[in-house]
Amino acid sequence: MRVLLVEPQKVPREIEIPEGLKALQEAVGESIEATYPFEDFVALVTNGNGKFDGSQLNRALRTEDGEVYDIIAGNFLVVGLGSEDFASLSNELVAKYKDYFGVPE
């Protein structure tokens, strides 16, 4: 599955991971959580305990007005959404979210 890995203090990079829970957990941590903050068919797969286990703060999520409403801690993935599960990102979505998360905060 083609996804973007976003690590603290680094630019996002495209990676290939196997489908399934284990690969997601290996990328972000055992307690995975998916959020859907964008209109595109993408999810952010994060470590649900990242803010509580001392993970480094990574990127802010903002409203359309630029106001911060949440901060992701630790590594996270940007994944596509299929009909029933997570899926590979298209070239267009890879480019869009590399740009969106391109500047480490």
C-alpha atoms as a PDB file:
ATOM      1  CA  MET A   1       0.000   0.000   0.000  1.00  0.00           C
ATOM      2  CA  ARG A   2       1.411   3.378  -1.014  1.00  0.00           C
ATOM      3  CA  VAL A   3       1.178   5.912   1.838  1.00  0.00           C
ATOM      4  CA  LEU A   4       2.908   8.996   3.207  1.00  0.00           C
ATOM      5  CA  LEU A   5       4.904   8.739   6.403  1.00  0.00           C
ATOM      6  CA  VAL A   6       5.100  12.008   8.333  1.00  0.00           C
ATOM      7  CA  GLU A   7       7.713  12.047  11.093  1.00  0.00           C
ATOM      8  CA  PRO A   8       8.455  14.889  13.515  1.00  0.00           C
ATOM      9  CA  GLN A   9      10.981  17.399  12.148  1.00  0.00           C
ATOM     10  CA  LYS A  10      11.148  15.676   8.735  1.00  0.00           C
ATOM     11  CA  VAL A  11       9.505  16.195   5.375  1.00  0.00           C
ATOM     12  CA  PRO A  12       6.862  13.593   4.461  1.00  0.00           C
ATOM     13  CA  ARG A  13       8.051  10.640   2.446  1.00  0.00           C
ATOM     14  CA  GLU A  14       6.245   8.138   0.327  1.00  0.00           C
ATOM     15  CA  ILE A  15       6.584   4.531   1.508  1.00  0.00           C
ATOM     16  CA  GLU A  16       5.126   1.139   0.656  1.00  0.00           C
ATOM     17  CA  ILE A  17       3.690  -0.931   3.494  1.00  0.00           C
ATOM     18  CA  PRO A  18       1.768  -4.201   3.479  1.00  0.00           C
ATOM     19  CA  GLU A  19      -1.962  -3.998   4.022  1.00  0.00           C
ATOM     20  CA  GLY A  20      -3.222  -4.803   7.483  1.00  0.00           C
ATOM     21  CA  LEU A  21      -3.125  -3.764  11.100  1.00  0.00           C
ATOM     22  CA  LYS A  22       0.410  -4.975  11.862  1.00  0.00           C
ATOM     23  CA  ALA A  23       2.056  -2.737   9.241  1.00  0.00           C
ATOM     24  CA  LEU A  24       0.107   0.291  10.480  1.00  0.00           C
ATOM     25  CA  GLN A  25       1.130  -0.432  14.069  1.00  0.00           C
ATOM     26  CA  GLU A  26       4.780  -0.816  13.090  1.00  0.00           C
ATOM     27  CA  ALA A  27       4.695   2.600  11.400  1.00  0.00           C
ATOM     28  CA  VAL A  28       2.976   4.638  14.131  1.00  0.00           C
ATOM     29  CA  GLY A  29       2.699   2.570  17.315  1.00  0.00           C
ATOM     30  CA  GLU A  30       0.493  -0.106  18.775  1.00  0.00           C
ATOM     31  CA  SER A  31      -2.568   1.960  19.564  1.00  0.00           C
ATOM     32  CA  ILE A  32      -3.604   3.170  16.127  1.00  0.00           C
ATOM     33  CA  GLU A  33      -6.331   5.712  15.616  1.00  0.00           C
ATOM     34  CA  ALA A  34      -7.734   7.018  12.334  1.00  0.00           C
ATOM     35  CA  THR A  35      -9.025  10.536  11.830  1.00  0.00           C
ATOM     36  CA  TYR A  36     -10.654  12.037   8.771  1.00  0.00           C
ATOM     37  CA  PRO A  37     -10.009  15.795   8.873  1.00  0.00           C
ATOM     38  CA  PHE A  38     -10.094  16.404   5.110  1.00  0.00           C
ATOM     39  CA  GLU A  39     -12.727  16.233   2.382  1.00  0.00           C
ATOM     40  CA  ASP A  40     -10.482  14.010   0.249  1.00  0.00           C
ATOM     41  CA  PHE A  41     -10.773  10.247   0.603  1.00  0.00           C
ATOM     42  CA  VAL A  42      -7.822  10.061   3.010  1.00  0.00           C
ATOM     43  CA  ALA A  43      -7.293   9.211   6.652  1.00  0.00           C
ATOM     44  CA  LEU A  44      -4.561  10.127   9.086  1.00  0.00           C
ATOM     45  CA  VAL A  45      -3.442   7.030  10.966  1.00  0.00           C
ATOM     46  CA  THR A  46      -1.866   8.105  14.239  1.00  0.00           C
ATOM     47  CA  ASN A  47      -0.739   6.611  17.521  1.00  0.00           C
ATOM     48  CA  GLY A  48      -3.771   7.100  19.752  1.00  0.00           C
ATOM     49  CA  ASN A  49      -1.506   7.315  22.801  1.00  0.00           C
ATOM     50  CA  GLY A  50       1.114   9.567  21.197  1.00  0.00           C
ATOM     51  CA  LYS A  51       0.236  12.632  23.250  1.00  0.00           C
ATOM     52  CA  PHE A  52       0.384  10.659  26.488  1.00  0.00           C
ATOM     53  CA  ASP A  53       3.455   8.466  25.961  1.00  0.00           C
ATOM     54  CA  GLY A  54       5.963  11.266  25.431  1.00  0.00           C
ATOM     55  CA  SER A  55       6.017  11.171  21.625  1.00  0.00           C
ATOM     56  CA  GLN A  56       7.429  14.294  20.017  1.00  0.00           C
ATOM     57  CA  LEU A  57       4.844  16.767  18.725  1.00  0.00           C
ATOM     58  CA  ASN A  58       4.644  16.557  14.960  1.00  0.00           C
ATOM     59  CA  ARG A  59       2.119  18.628  12.956  1.00  0.00           C
ATOM     60  CA  ALA A  60      -0.835  20.863  13.759  1.00  0.00           C
ATOM     61  CA  LEU A  61      -4.267  20.382  12.263  1.00  0.00           C
ATOM     62  CA  ARG A  62      -5.955  23.650  11.406  1.00  0.00           C
ATOM     63  CA  THR A  63      -9.391  24.960  10.554  1.00  0.00           C
ATOM     64  CA  GLU A  64     -10.026  26.652   7.219  1.00  0.00           C
ATOM     65  CA  ASP A  65      -9.205  29.936   9.005  1.00  0.00           C
ATOM     66  CA  GLY A  66      -5.790  28.632  10.045  1.00  0.00           C
ATOM     67  CA  GLU A  67      -6.674  28.145  13.715  1.00  0.00           C
ATOM     68  CA  VAL A  68      -4.997  25.134  15.357  1.00  0.00           C
ATOM     69  CA  TYR A  69      -7.564  22.672  16.686  1.00  0.00           C
ATOM     70  CA  ASP A  70      -5.324  19.657  17.343  1.00  0.00           C
ATOM     71  CA  ILE A  71      -1.686  18.583  17.257  1.00  0.00           C
ATOM     72  CA  ILE A  72      -0.527  15.134  16.210  1.00  0.00           C
ATOM     73  CA  ALA A  73       2.243  13.587  18.300  1.00  0.00           C
ATOM     74  CA  GLY A  74       4.624  10.984  16.926  1.00  0.00           C
ATOM     75  CA  ASN A  75       4.754   9.479  13.461  1.00  0.00           C
ATOM     76  CA  PHE A  76       1.604   9.340  11.391  1.00  0.00           C
ATOM     77  CA  LEU A  77       0.519   8.061   8.013  1.00  0.00           C
ATOM     78  CA  VAL A  78      -1.637   9.635   5.340  1.00  0.00           C
ATOM     79  CA  VAL A  79      -3.519   6.753   3.712  1.00  0.00           C
ATOM     80  CA  GLY A  80      -6.163   6.502   1.036  1.00  0.00           C
ATOM     81  CA  LEU A  81      -9.660   5.218   1.666  1.00  0.00           C
ATOM     82  CA  GLY A  82     -11.022   2.264  -0.268  1.00  0.00           C
ATOM     83  CA  SER A  83     -14.557   0.929  -0.300  1.00  0.00           C
ATOM     84  CA  GLU A  84     -14.034  -1.052   2.920  1.00  0.00           C
ATOM     85  CA  ASP A  85     -10.522  -0.387   4.187  1.00  0.00           C
ATOM     86  CA  PHE A  86      -7.447   1.782   3.842  1.00  0.00           C
ATOM     87  CA  ALA A  87      -5.934   1.958   0.364  1.00  0.00           C
ATOM     88  CA  SER A  88      -2.986   3.343  -1.572  1.00  0.00           C
ATOM     89  CA  LEU A  89      -2.807   7.055  -2.276  1.00  0.00           C
ATOM     90  CA  SER A  90      -3.103   8.296  -5.841  1.00  0.00           C
ATOM     91  CA  ASN A  91      -0.262  10.355  -7.356  1.00  0.00           C
ATOM     92  CA  GLU A  92      -2.441  13.453  -6.943  1.00  0.00           C
ATOM     93  CA  LEU A  93      -3.043  12.827  -3.226  1.00  0.00           C
ATOM     94  CA  VAL A  94       0.630  12.026  -2.592  1.00  0.00           C
ATOM     95  CA  ALA A  95       1.608  15.379  -4.108  1.00  0.00           C
ATOM     96  CA  LYS A  96      -1.139  17.291  -2.293  1.00  0.00           C
ATOM     97  CA  TYR A  97      -0.328  15.964   1.175  1.00  0.00           C
ATOM     98  CA  LYS A  98       3.452  16.105   0.703  1.00  0.00           C
ATOM     99  CA  ASP A  99       2.878  19.803   0.124  1.00  0.00           C
ATOM    100  CA  TYR A 100       0.311  20.197   2.933  1.00  0.00           C
ATOM    101  CA  PHE A 101       2.567  18.598   5.572  1.00  0.00           C
ATOM    102  CA  GLY A 102       5.809  19.583   3.821  1.00  0.00           C
ATOM    103  CA  VAL A 103       7.127  22.046   6.390  1.00  0.00           C
ATOM    104  CA  PRO A 104       8.129  20.477   9.705  1.00  0.00           C
ATOM    105  CA  GLU A 105       6.687  22.405  12.629  1.00  0.00           C
END
